[in-house]
Amino acid sequence: MRPGCAPAGAAARRRADRALRRSRGGLELPRAAQVGTHERAGPGRGLRRALQMDRAPHPLRARPEKETMATESDLYFVQQRVGDMANLAYLIGSKSQRKAYVVDPAWNVQGLLDQATNDGIEVVGALVTHYHQDHVGGEIFGHNIEGLAKLLEVSPMPIHVNKHEAEGTIKVTGVSENDLVQHDGGDLLELGGIGIRLIHTPGHTPGSQCFHVEERDQSGHLVSGDTLFLNGCGRVDLPGADPKAMYESLETLKALPDSTNLFPGHLYSPEGHDSMESQKRTNPYLRAQNVEMFLSFMGH
């Protein structure tokens, strides 16, 4: 099973389909809602392949088709597929300031830094969505992912985490408390004309957070980690997970404008991004009408 995906994809989709049809007089789920949460083989073999291969990150086209190339935009935004667990890492910053943050630098750390350097951008900090090893590094399935420890070795910088995720991040990666900047939900980081709002979204882990990238007169970008995927959501059957908190977190994200561009923490779908307007229509976990329905989707 994929480490971040909602559990039992096929079964969850069937439960969601039945519940929605009961509540809406037989309404069928849109076709797009039927994909994106299926099960796969466990990641152990893939991890072994990844650790045997020194592969550079793979840039993806991260700009949605609906977004126009506004010349006044100051946003520097790069999406990279990294590692062998379909992870997506990001560089977010200001072109005018020539500075950026790196999001979830677990895999191919040097490749991410090189991408920024090649673009004339200095990486000034790391943003952590949550403490799982495929997002921050550490030992998993008997193998070690370089992650934050490698980042600090190559280029010391502050690591921004939600305060509820600090203990887990330290335990998993071996970084020290002094390496971390602990945040509350709602905190804002700014680079030039770019703001990055830290949204506390517990559910997958107690201190999971999403990053809402804000720029005047531009559509927002939501980097959602393992809280929200395209047509899926994060697992709630792992230690520290909370299904009811996940429902509330998804409700928080649903309140974002329809024009918001969604960028998840894993490439579990053909595309690496979508609009929130589209996801509100097609994602069964966002369509749940109440917490009871959501819990039934998740098998609770």
C-alpha atoms as a PDB file:
ATOM      1  CA  MET A   1       0.000   0.000   0.000  1.00  0.00           C
ATOM      2  CA  ARG A   2       1.214   3.481  -0.714  1.00  0.00           C
ATOM      3  CA  PRO A   3       2.482   5.129   2.482  1.00  0.00           C
ATOM      4  CA  GLY A   4       0.447   8.311   2.197  1.00  0.00           C
ATOM      5  CA  CYS A   5      -2.679   7.123   0.432  1.00  0.00           C
ATOM      6  CA  ALA A   6      -6.118   6.651   1.951  1.00  0.00           C
ATOM      7  CA  PRO A   7      -6.498   2.994   3.006  1.00  0.00           C
ATOM      8  CA  ALA A   8      -8.088   0.250   0.913  1.00  0.00           C
ATOM      9  CA  GLY A   9      -8.561   2.371  -2.191  1.00  0.00           C
ATOM     10  CA  ALA A  10     -11.046   0.165  -4.058  1.00  0.00           C
ATOM     11  CA  ALA A  11     -13.081  -0.589  -0.953  1.00  0.00           C
ATOM     12  CA  ALA A  12     -13.070   3.065   0.086  1.00  0.00           C
ATOM     13  CA  ARG A  13     -14.292   4.120  -3.335  1.00  0.00           C
ATOM     14  CA  ARG A  14     -17.118   1.575  -3.189  1.00  0.00           C
ATOM     15  CA  ARG A  15     -18.145   2.825   0.266  1.00  0.00           C
ATOM     16  CA  ALA A  16     -18.017   6.421  -0.923  1.00  0.00           C
ATOM     17  CA  ASP A  17     -20.053   5.567  -4.018  1.00  0.00           C
ATOM     18  CA  ARG A  18     -22.760   3.784  -2.021  1.00  0.00           C
ATOM     19  CA  ALA A  19     -22.960   6.511   0.621  1.00  0.00           C
ATOM     20  CA  LEU A  20     -23.226   9.311  -1.918  1.00  0.00           C
ATOM     21  CA  ARG A  21     -25.872   7.475  -3.931  1.00  0.00           C
ATOM     22  CA  ARG A  22     -27.907   6.884  -0.787  1.00  0.00           C
ATOM     23  CA  SER A  23     -27.651  10.534   0.218  1.00  0.00           C
ATOM     24  CA  ARG A  24     -28.386  11.906  -3.253  1.00  0.00           C
ATOM     25  CA  GLY A  25     -30.964   9.537  -4.571  1.00  0.00           C
ATOM     26  CA  GLY A  26     -28.684   7.294  -6.601  1.00  0.00           C
ATOM     27  CA  LEU A  27     -26.190   9.897  -7.879  1.00  0.00           C
ATOM     28  CA  GLU A  28     -23.181   8.248  -9.517  1.00  0.00           C
ATOM     29  CA  LEU A  29     -19.693   9.452  -8.649  1.00  0.00           C
ATOM     30  CA  PRO A  30     -18.040  11.300 -11.527  1.00  0.00           C
ATOM     31  CA  ARG A  31     -15.573   9.137 -13.409  1.00  0.00           C
ATOM     32  CA  ALA A  32     -12.623  11.179 -12.149  1.00  0.00           C
ATOM     33  CA  ALA A  33     -13.517  10.253  -8.578  1.00  0.00           C
ATOM     34  CA  GLN A  34     -13.037   6.583  -9.396  1.00  0.00           C
ATOM     35  CA  VAL A  35      -9.265   6.881  -9.791  1.00  0.00           C
ATOM     36  CA  GLY A  36      -6.287   7.908  -7.707  1.00  0.00           C
ATOM     37  CA  THR A  37      -6.744   5.858  -4.524  1.00  0.00           C
ATOM     38  CA  HIS A  38      -6.141   2.283  -5.698  1.00  0.00           C
ATOM     39  CA  GLU A  39      -3.733  -0.019  -3.883  1.00  0.00           C
ATOM     40  CA  ARG A  40      -0.264  -0.855  -5.104  1.00  0.00           C
ATOM     41  CA  ALA A  41       2.394  -3.324  -4.032  1.00  0.00           C
ATOM     42  CA  GLY A  42       4.346  -2.325  -0.945  1.00  0.00           C
ATOM     43  CA  PRO A  43       7.200   0.125  -1.370  1.00  0.00           C
ATOM     44  CA  GLY A  44      10.017  -2.108  -0.132  1.00  0.00           C
ATOM     45  CA  ARG A  45      11.170  -3.313  -3.561  1.00  0.00           C
ATOM     46  CA  GLY A  46      10.872   0.179  -4.986  1.00  0.00           C
ATOM     47  CA  LEU A  47      12.968   1.581  -2.175  1.00  0.00           C
ATOM     48  CA  ARG A  48      15.691  -0.943  -2.834  1.00  0.00           C
ATOM     49  CA  ARG A  49      15.721   0.071  -6.488  1.00  0.00           C
ATOM     50  CA  ALA A  50      15.869   3.732  -5.494  1.00  0.00           C
ATOM     51  CA  LEU A  51      18.821   3.218  -3.195  1.00  0.00           C
ATOM     52  CA  GLN A  52      20.682   1.373  -5.943  1.00  0.00           C
ATOM     53  CA  MET A  53      20.151   4.152  -8.468  1.00  0.00           C
ATOM     54  CA  ASP A  54      21.496   7.695  -8.187  1.00  0.00           C
ATOM     55  CA  ARG A  55      18.757   9.423 -10.148  1.00  0.00           C
ATOM     56  CA  ALA A  56      18.305  13.153 -10.475  1.00  0.00           C
ATOM     57  CA  PRO A  57      14.873  14.650  -9.717  1.00  0.00           C
ATOM     58  CA  HIS A  58      12.427  14.762 -12.596  1.00  0.00           C
ATOM     59  CA  PRO A  59      10.924  18.209 -13.245  1.00  0.00           C
ATOM     60  CA  LEU A  60       7.187  18.180 -13.910  1.00  0.00           C
ATOM     61  CA  ARG A  61       5.071  20.810 -15.563  1.00  0.00           C
ATOM     62  CA  ALA A  62       3.726  22.443 -12.442  1.00  0.00           C
ATOM     63  CA  ARG A  63       1.822  25.372 -13.924  1.00  0.00           C
ATOM     64  CA  PRO A  64      -1.887  24.634 -14.479  1.00  0.00           C
ATOM     65  CA  GLU A  65      -3.216  25.275 -17.965  1.00  0.00           C
ATOM     66  CA  LYS A  66      -5.736  27.819 -16.694  1.00  0.00           C
ATOM     67  CA  GLU A  67      -3.072  30.025 -15.101  1.00  0.00           C
ATOM     68  CA  THR A  68      -1.762  32.804 -17.305  1.00  0.00           C
ATOM     69  CA  MET A  69       1.878  33.830 -17.388  1.00  0.00           C
ATOM     70  CA  ALA A  70       1.432  37.211 -15.740  1.00  0.00           C
ATOM     71  CA  THR A  71       4.607  39.240 -16.275  1.00  0.00           C
ATOM     72  CA  GLU A  72       4.173  40.951 -12.912  1.00  0.00           C
ATOM     73  CA  SER A  73       4.224  37.677 -10.974  1.00  0.00           C
ATOM     74  CA  ASP A  74       7.121  37.353  -8.546  1.00  0.00           C
ATOM     75  CA  LEU A  75       6.521  33.660  -7.846  1.00  0.00           C
ATOM     76  CA  TYR A  76       9.305  31.132  -8.294  1.00  0.00           C
ATOM     77  CA  PHE A  77       7.654  27.697  -8.152  1.00  0.00           C
ATOM     78  CA  VAL A  78       9.156  24.348  -9.140  1.00  0.00           C
ATOM     79  CA  GLN A  79       7.635  20.894  -8.670  1.00  0.00           C
ATOM     80  CA  GLN A  80       9.990  17.888  -8.759  1.00  0.00           C
ATOM     81  CA  ARG A  81       9.219  14.187  -8.690  1.00  0.00           C
ATOM     82  CA  VAL A  82      11.873  12.618  -6.462  1.00  0.00           C
ATOM     83  CA  GLY A  83      12.760   9.142  -5.223  1.00  0.00           C
ATOM     84  CA  ASP A  84      10.901   5.929  -5.964  1.00  0.00           C
ATOM     85  CA  MET A  85       7.810   6.429  -3.799  1.00  0.00           C
ATOM     86  CA  ALA A  86       6.224   8.955  -6.174  1.00  0.00           C
ATOM     87  CA  ASN A  87       7.099  11.849  -3.872  1.00  0.00           C
ATOM     88  CA  LEU A  88       6.775  15.440  -5.018  1.00  0.00           C
ATOM     89  CA  ALA A  89       9.169  18.056  -3.636  1.00  0.00           C
ATOM     90  CA  TYR A  90       8.922  21.782  -4.275  1.00  0.00           C
ATOM     91  CA  LEU A  91      10.924  24.982  -4.478  1.00  0.00           C
ATOM     92  CA  ILE A  92       8.837  28.047  -3.583  1.00  0.00           C
ATOM     93  CA  GLY A  93      10.114  31.587  -3.484  1.00  0.00           C
ATOM     94  CA  SER A  94      10.566  35.017  -4.983  1.00  0.00           C
ATOM     95  CA  LYS A  95      12.184  35.727  -8.331  1.00  0.00           C
ATOM     96  CA  SER A  96      12.968  39.310  -7.370  1.00  0.00           C
ATOM     97  CA  GLN A  97      14.579  38.290  -4.075  1.00  0.00           C
ATOM     98  CA  ARG A  98      16.229  35.260  -5.711  1.00  0.00           C
ATOM     99  CA  LYS A  99      15.438  33.209  -2.618  1.00  0.00           C
ATOM    100  CA  ALA A 100      13.271  30.143  -2.021  1.00  0.00           C
ATOM    101  CA  TYR A 101      12.260  27.442   0.427  1.00  0.00           C
ATOM    102  CA  VAL A 102      12.546  23.746  -0.379  1.00  0.00           C
ATOM    103  CA  VAL A 103       9.539  21.619   0.621  1.00  0.00           C
ATOM    104  CA  ASP A 104       9.999  18.053   1.919  1.00  0.00           C
ATOM    105  CA  PRO A 105      13.613  17.476   0.805  1.00  0.00           C
ATOM    106  CA  ALA A 106      13.852  13.753   1.568  1.00  0.00           C
ATOM    107  CA  TRP A 107      15.216  12.389  -1.710  1.00  0.00           C
ATOM    108  CA  ASN A 108      17.962  13.628  -4.070  1.00  0.00           C
ATOM    109  CA  VAL A 109      18.733  16.592  -1.858  1.00  0.00           C
ATOM    110  CA  GLN A 110      21.683  17.763  -3.918  1.00  0.00           C
ATOM    111  CA  GLY A 111      19.597  17.636  -7.082  1.00  0.00           C
ATOM    112  CA  LEU A 112      17.010  19.966  -5.563  1.00  0.00           C
ATOM    113  CA  LEU A 113      19.685  22.413  -4.449  1.00  0.00           C
ATOM    114  CA  ASP A 114      21.316  22.233  -7.874  1.00  0.00           C
ATOM    115  CA  GLN A 115      17.976  23.031  -9.525  1.00  0.00           C
ATOM    116  CA  ALA A 116      17.716  26.221  -7.471  1.00  0.00           C
ATOM    117  CA  THR A 117      21.346  27.152  -8.123  1.00  0.00           C
ATOM    118  CA  ASN A 118      20.902  26.665 -11.864  1.00  0.00           C
ATOM    119  CA  ASP A 119      17.919  29.019 -11.694  1.00  0.00           C
ATOM    120  CA  GLY A 120      19.942  31.641  -9.823  1.00  0.00           C
ATOM    121  CA  ILE A 121      18.006  31.032  -6.592  1.00  0.00           C
ATOM    122  CA  GLU A 122      19.361  30.652  -3.043  1.00  0.00           C
ATOM    123  CA  VAL A 123      17.565  28.114  -0.825  1.00  0.00           C
ATOM    124  CA  VAL A 124      17.138  29.803   2.560  1.00  0.00           C
ATOM    125  CA  GLY A 125      15.082  27.238   4.468  1.00  0.00           C
ATOM    126  CA  ALA A 126      13.152  23.980   4.366  1.00  0.00           C
ATOM    127  CA  LEU A 127       9.419  23.531   4.903  1.00  0.00           C
ATOM    128  CA  VAL A 128       8.187  20.207   6.295  1.00  0.00           C
ATOM    129  CA  THR A 129       4.639  18.995   5.668  1.00  0.00           C
ATOM    130  CA  HIS A 130       4.985  16.098   8.147  1.00  0.00           C
ATOM    131  CA  TYR A 131       7.603  13.860   9.726  1.00  0.00           C
ATOM    132  CA  HIS A 132       7.253  10.610   7.737  1.00  0.00           C
ATOM    133  CA  GLN A 133      10.537   9.334   6.346  1.00  0.00           C
ATOM    134  CA  ASP A 134       9.607   9.673   2.679  1.00  0.00           C
ATOM    135  CA  HIS A 135       9.180  13.421   3.294  1.00  0.00           C
ATOM    136  CA  VAL A 136      12.019  14.242   5.711  1.00  0.00           C
ATOM    137  CA  GLY A 137      14.405  11.288   5.470  1.00  0.00           C
ATOM    138  CA  GLY A 138      15.407   8.608   7.943  1.00  0.00           C
ATOM    139  CA  GLU A 139      15.355   4.825   8.130  1.00  0.00           C
ATOM    140  CA  ILE A 140      12.429   2.952   6.587  1.00  0.00           C
ATOM    141  CA  PHE A 141      12.139  -0.724   5.612  1.00  0.00           C
ATOM    142  CA  GLY A 142      15.785  -1.204   6.571  1.00  0.00           C
ATOM    143  CA  HIS A 143      17.050   1.537   4.268  1.00  0.00           C
ATOM    144  CA  ASN A 144      18.073   5.106   4.935  1.00  0.00           C
ATOM    145  CA  ILE A 145      16.712   8.112   3.033  1.00  0.00           C
ATOM    146  CA  GLU A 146      19.128  11.057   3.214  1.00  0.00           C
ATOM    147  CA  GLY A 147      16.618  13.844   3.894  1.00  0.00           C
ATOM    148  CA  LEU A 148      17.086  16.697   6.332  1.00  0.00           C
ATOM    149  CA  ALA A 149      20.333  15.324   7.760  1.00  0.00           C
ATOM    150  CA  LYS A 150      21.925  15.505   4.313  1.00  0.00           C
ATOM    151  CA  LEU A 151      20.441  18.942   3.666  1.00  0.00           C
ATOM    152  CA  LEU A 152      21.961  20.375   6.849  1.00  0.00           C
ATOM    153  CA  GLU A 153      25.303  18.748   6.062  1.00  0.00           C
ATOM    154  CA  VAL A 154      25.419  20.299   2.592  1.00  0.00           C
ATOM    155  CA  SER A 155      23.758  23.641   3.305  1.00  0.00           C
ATOM    156  CA  PRO A 156      22.788  24.517   6.909  1.00  0.00           C
ATOM    157  CA  MET A 157      19.430  26.295   7.056  1.00  0.00           C
ATOM    158  CA  PRO A 158      16.362  26.568   9.330  1.00  0.00           C
ATOM    159  CA  ILE A 159      13.804  23.746   9.135  1.00  0.00           C
ATOM    160  CA  HIS A 160      10.225  25.001   9.496  1.00  0.00           C
ATOM    161  CA  VAL A 161       7.819  22.531  11.137  1.00  0.00           C
ATOM    162  CA  ASN A 162       4.500  22.687  12.925  1.00  0.00           C
ATOM    163  CA  LYS A 163       5.125  22.631  16.677  1.00  0.00           C
ATOM    164  CA  HIS A 164       3.200  19.347  17.006  1.00  0.00           C
ATOM    165  CA  GLU A 165       5.560  17.701  14.496  1.00  0.00           C
ATOM    166  CA  ALA A 166       8.874  18.719  16.061  1.00  0.00           C
ATOM    167  CA  GLU A 167       9.308  15.653  18.264  1.00  0.00           C
ATOM    168  CA  GLY A 168       8.593  13.237  15.427  1.00  0.00           C
ATOM    169  CA  THR A 169      10.907  15.081  13.044  1.00  0.00           C
ATOM    170  CA  ILE A 170      13.773  14.958  15.541  1.00  0.00           C
ATOM    171  CA  LYS A 171      13.204  11.260  16.273  1.00  0.00           C
ATOM    172  CA  VAL A 172      12.997  10.194  12.624  1.00  0.00           C
ATOM    173  CA  THR A 173      15.790  12.322  11.126  1.00  0.00           C
ATOM    174  CA  GLY A 174      18.258  12.860  13.970  1.00  0.00           C
ATOM    175  CA  VAL A 175      18.275  16.644  13.562  1.00  0.00           C
ATOM    176  CA  SER A 176      18.384  18.710  16.746  1.00  0.00           C
ATOM    177  CA  GLU A 177      15.732  20.930  18.258  1.00  0.00           C
ATOM    178  CA  ASN A 178      17.976  23.908  17.491  1.00  0.00           C
ATOM    179  CA  ASP A 179      17.719  23.095  13.781  1.00  0.00           C
ATOM    180  CA  LEU A 180      13.946  23.542  13.865  1.00  0.00           C
ATOM    181  CA  VAL A 181      11.722  26.605  13.746  1.00  0.00           C
ATOM    182  CA  GLN A 182       8.448  25.543  15.362  1.00  0.00           C
ATOM    183  CA  HIS A 183       5.278  27.177  14.058  1.00  0.00           C
ATOM    184  CA  ASP A 184       1.633  27.561  14.932  1.00  0.00           C
ATOM    185  CA  GLY A 185      -1.021  27.191  12.292  1.00  0.00           C
ATOM    186  CA  GLY A 186      -1.624  30.502  10.539  1.00  0.00           C
ATOM    187  CA  ASP A 187       1.986  31.687  10.643  1.00  0.00           C
ATOM    188  CA  LEU A 188       3.175  33.512   7.524  1.00  0.00           C
ATOM    189  CA  LEU A 189       6.576  33.374   5.833  1.00  0.00           C
ATOM    190  CA  GLU A 190       7.371  36.101   3.307  1.00  0.00           C
ATOM    191  CA  LEU A 191       9.875  36.455   0.482  1.00  0.00           C
ATOM    192  CA  GLY A 192       9.457  39.601  -1.594  1.00  0.00           C
ATOM    193  CA  GLY A 193       5.874  39.716  -2.824  1.00  0.00           C
ATOM    194  CA  ILE A 194       5.287  36.061  -1.973  1.00  0.00           C
ATOM    195  CA  GLY A 195       3.600  34.909   1.226  1.00  0.00           C
ATOM    196  CA  ILE A 196       3.512  31.292   2.399  1.00  0.00           C
ATOM    197  CA  ARG A 197       0.718  30.681   4.896  1.00  0.00           C
ATOM    198  CA  LEU A 198       1.232  27.642   7.141  1.00  0.00           C
ATOM    199  CA  ILE A 199      -2.087  25.812   7.559  1.00  0.00           C
ATOM    200  CA  HIS A 200      -2.215  23.248  10.376  1.00  0.00           C
ATOM    201  CA  THR A 201      -4.012  20.186   8.968  1.00  0.00           C
ATOM    202  CA  PRO A 202      -3.885  17.341  11.512  1.00  0.00           C
ATOM    203  CA  GLY A 203      -5.261  13.951  10.574  1.00  0.00           C
ATOM    204  CA  HIS A 204      -2.513  12.088   8.738  1.00  0.00           C
ATOM    205  CA  THR A 205      -0.169  13.105  11.575  1.00  0.00           C
ATOM    206  CA  PRO A 206      -0.785  15.446  14.531  1.00  0.00           C
ATOM    207  CA  GLY A 207       1.375  18.232  13.097  1.00  0.00           C
ATOM    208  CA  SER A 208       0.725  17.914   9.383  1.00  0.00           C
ATOM    209  CA  GLN A 209       0.690  21.268   7.645  1.00  0.00           C
ATOM    210  CA  CYS A 210      -0.107  22.584   4.171  1.00  0.00           C
ATOM    211  CA  PHE A 211       1.414  25.641   2.536  1.00  0.00           C
ATOM    212  CA  HIS A 212      -0.828  28.215   0.880  1.00  0.00           C
ATOM    213  CA  VAL A 213       1.264  30.355  -1.448  1.00  0.00           C
ATOM    214  CA  GLU A 214      -0.195  33.849  -1.697  1.00  0.00           C
ATOM    215  CA  GLU A 215       0.534  36.633  -4.154  1.00  0.00           C
ATOM    216  CA  ARG A 216      -1.517  39.731  -4.846  1.00  0.00           C
ATOM    217  CA  ASP A 217      -3.736  39.489  -7.948  1.00  0.00           C
ATOM    218  CA  GLN A 218      -2.668  35.862  -8.557  1.00  0.00           C
ATOM    219  CA  SER A 219      -4.368  32.528  -7.952  1.00  0.00           C
ATOM    220  CA  GLY A 220      -3.125  30.813  -4.811  1.00  0.00           C
ATOM    221  CA  HIS A 221      -1.089  27.603  -4.796  1.00  0.00           C
ATOM    222  CA  LEU A 222      -1.754  24.955  -2.127  1.00  0.00           C
ATOM    223  CA  VAL A 223       1.049  22.483  -1.411  1.00  0.00           C
ATOM    224  CA  SER A 224      -0.868  19.849   0.510  1.00  0.00           C
ATOM    225  CA  GLY A 225       1.638  17.151   1.509  1.00  0.00           C
ATOM    226  CA  ASP A 226      -0.146  13.944   2.490  1.00  0.00           C
ATOM    227  CA  THR A 227      -3.317  15.691   3.652  1.00  0.00           C
ATOM    228  CA  LEU A 228      -4.989  16.034   0.255  1.00  0.00           C
ATOM    229  CA  PHE A 229      -4.222  14.234  -2.993  1.00  0.00           C
ATOM    230  CA  LEU A 230      -5.855  14.492  -6.377  1.00  0.00           C
ATOM    231  CA  ASN A 231      -9.028  12.443  -5.856  1.00  0.00           C
ATOM    232  CA  GLY A 232      -7.768  11.102  -2.544  1.00  0.00           C
ATOM    233  CA  CYS A 233      -6.598  12.018   0.944  1.00  0.00           C
ATOM    234  CA  GLY A 234      -3.975  10.887   3.419  1.00  0.00           C
ATOM    235  CA  ARG A 235      -4.125   7.654   5.372  1.00  0.00           C
ATOM    236  CA  VAL A 236      -5.619   7.746   8.851  1.00  0.00           C
ATOM    237  CA  ASP A 237      -4.637   4.251  10.003  1.00  0.00           C
ATOM    238  CA  LEU A 238      -1.040   5.053  10.970  1.00  0.00           C
ATOM    239  CA  PRO A 239       0.315   5.966  14.449  1.00  0.00           C
ATOM    240  CA  GLY A 240      -0.794   9.460  15.410  1.00  0.00           C
ATOM    241  CA  ALA A 241      -3.495   9.628  12.739  1.00  0.00           C
ATOM    242  CA  ASP A 242      -6.989  10.914  13.562  1.00  0.00           C
ATOM    243  CA  PRO A 243      -9.885  10.368  11.107  1.00  0.00           C
ATOM    244  CA  LYS A 244     -12.100  13.068  12.619  1.00  0.00           C
ATOM    245  CA  ALA A 245      -9.254  15.585  12.558  1.00  0.00           C
ATOM    246  CA  MET A 246      -8.659  14.688   8.909  1.00  0.00           C
ATOM    247  CA  TYR A 247     -12.280  15.489   8.095  1.00  0.00           C
ATOM    248  CA  GLU A 248     -11.979  18.893   9.769  1.00  0.00           C
ATOM    249  CA  SER A 249      -8.709  19.586   7.956  1.00  0.00           C
ATOM    250  CA  LEU A 250     -10.277  18.774   4.595  1.00  0.00           C
ATOM    251  CA  GLU A 251     -13.167  21.090   5.441  1.00  0.00           C
ATOM    252  CA  THR A 252     -10.601  23.829   6.107  1.00  0.00           C
ATOM    253  CA  LEU A 253      -9.014  23.269   2.699  1.00  0.00           C
ATOM    254  CA  LYS A 254     -12.433  23.213   1.021  1.00  0.00           C
ATOM    255  CA  ALA A 255     -12.889  26.818   2.159  1.00  0.00           C
ATOM    256  CA  LEU A 256     -10.038  27.969  -0.093  1.00  0.00           C
ATOM    257  CA  PRO A 257     -11.061  29.721  -3.333  1.00  0.00           C
ATOM    258  CA  ASP A 258     -11.983  27.509  -6.279  1.00  0.00           C
ATOM    259  CA  SER A 259      -9.175  29.109  -8.284  1.00  0.00           C
ATOM    260  CA  THR A 260      -6.550  27.733  -5.893  1.00  0.00           C
ATOM    261  CA  ASN A 261      -4.088  25.395  -7.621  1.00  0.00           C
ATOM    262  CA  LEU A 262      -3.558  22.122  -5.725  1.00  0.00           C
ATOM    263  CA  PHE A 263      -0.103  20.501  -5.627  1.00  0.00           C
ATOM    264  CA  PRO A 264       0.011  17.264  -3.558  1.00  0.00           C
ATOM    265  CA  GLY A 265       2.870  15.465  -1.830  1.00  0.00           C
ATOM    266  CA  HIS A 266       2.758  12.410  -4.114  1.00  0.00           C
ATOM    267  CA  LEU A 267       2.157  11.824  -7.797  1.00  0.00           C
ATOM    268  CA  TYR A 268      -0.684   9.324  -7.420  1.00  0.00           C
ATOM    269  CA  SER A 269      -2.535  10.507 -10.530  1.00  0.00           C
ATOM    270  CA  PRO A 270      -1.657  11.203 -14.180  1.00  0.00           C
ATOM    271  CA  GLU A 271      -1.366  14.944 -13.520  1.00  0.00           C
ATOM    272  CA  GLY A 272       0.709  16.629 -10.843  1.00  0.00           C
ATOM    273  CA  HIS A 273      -1.798  19.393 -10.090  1.00  0.00           C
ATOM    274  CA  ASP A 274      -5.447  20.394 -10.342  1.00  0.00           C
ATOM    275  CA  SER A 275      -7.729  23.242  -9.320  1.00  0.00           C
ATOM    276  CA  MET A 276      -9.604  23.149  -6.033  1.00  0.00           C
ATOM    277  CA  GLU A 277     -12.775  23.792  -8.021  1.00  0.00           C
ATOM    278  CA  SER A 278     -12.248  20.521  -9.868  1.00  0.00           C
ATOM    279  CA  GLN A 279     -11.331  18.595  -6.723  1.00  0.00           C
ATOM    280  CA  LYS A 280     -14.400  19.829  -4.867  1.00  0.00           C
ATOM    281  CA  ARG A 281     -16.475  18.243  -7.638  1.00  0.00           C
ATOM    282  CA  THR A 282     -14.589  14.996  -8.136  1.00  0.00           C
ATOM    283  CA  ASN A 283     -12.767  14.053  -4.927  1.00  0.00           C
ATOM    284  CA  PRO A 284     -15.071  11.791  -2.863  1.00  0.00           C
ATOM    285  CA  TYR A 285     -13.305  12.726   0.383  1.00  0.00           C
ATOM    286  CA  LEU A 286     -14.087  16.398  -0.204  1.00  0.00           C
ATOM    287  CA  ARG A 287     -17.681  15.567  -1.142  1.00  0.00           C
ATOM    288  CA  ALA A 288     -18.531  13.937   2.185  1.00  0.00           C
ATOM    289  CA  GLN A 289     -21.511  15.845   3.591  1.00  0.00           C
ATOM    290  CA  ASN A 290     -20.690  15.230   7.254  1.00  0.00           C
ATOM    291  CA  VAL A 291     -18.142  13.542   9.485  1.00  0.00           C
ATOM    292  CA  GLU A 292     -20.198  10.345   9.723  1.00  0.00           C
ATOM    293  CA  MET A 293     -20.172   9.948   5.949  1.00  0.00           C
ATOM    294  CA  PHE A 294     -16.439  10.654   5.830  1.00  0.00           C
ATOM    295  CA  LEU A 295     -15.736   8.040   8.498  1.00  0.00           C
ATOM    296  CA  SER A 296     -17.751   5.499   6.517  1.00  0.00           C
ATOM    297  CA  PHE A 297     -15.600   6.273   3.481  1.00  0.00           C
ATOM    298  CA  MET A 298     -12.508   5.553   5.590  1.00  0.00           C
ATOM    299  CA  GLY A 299     -13.894   2.281   6.951  1.00  0.00           C
ATOM    300  CA  HIS A 300     -14.636   3.534  10.475  1.00  0.00           C
END
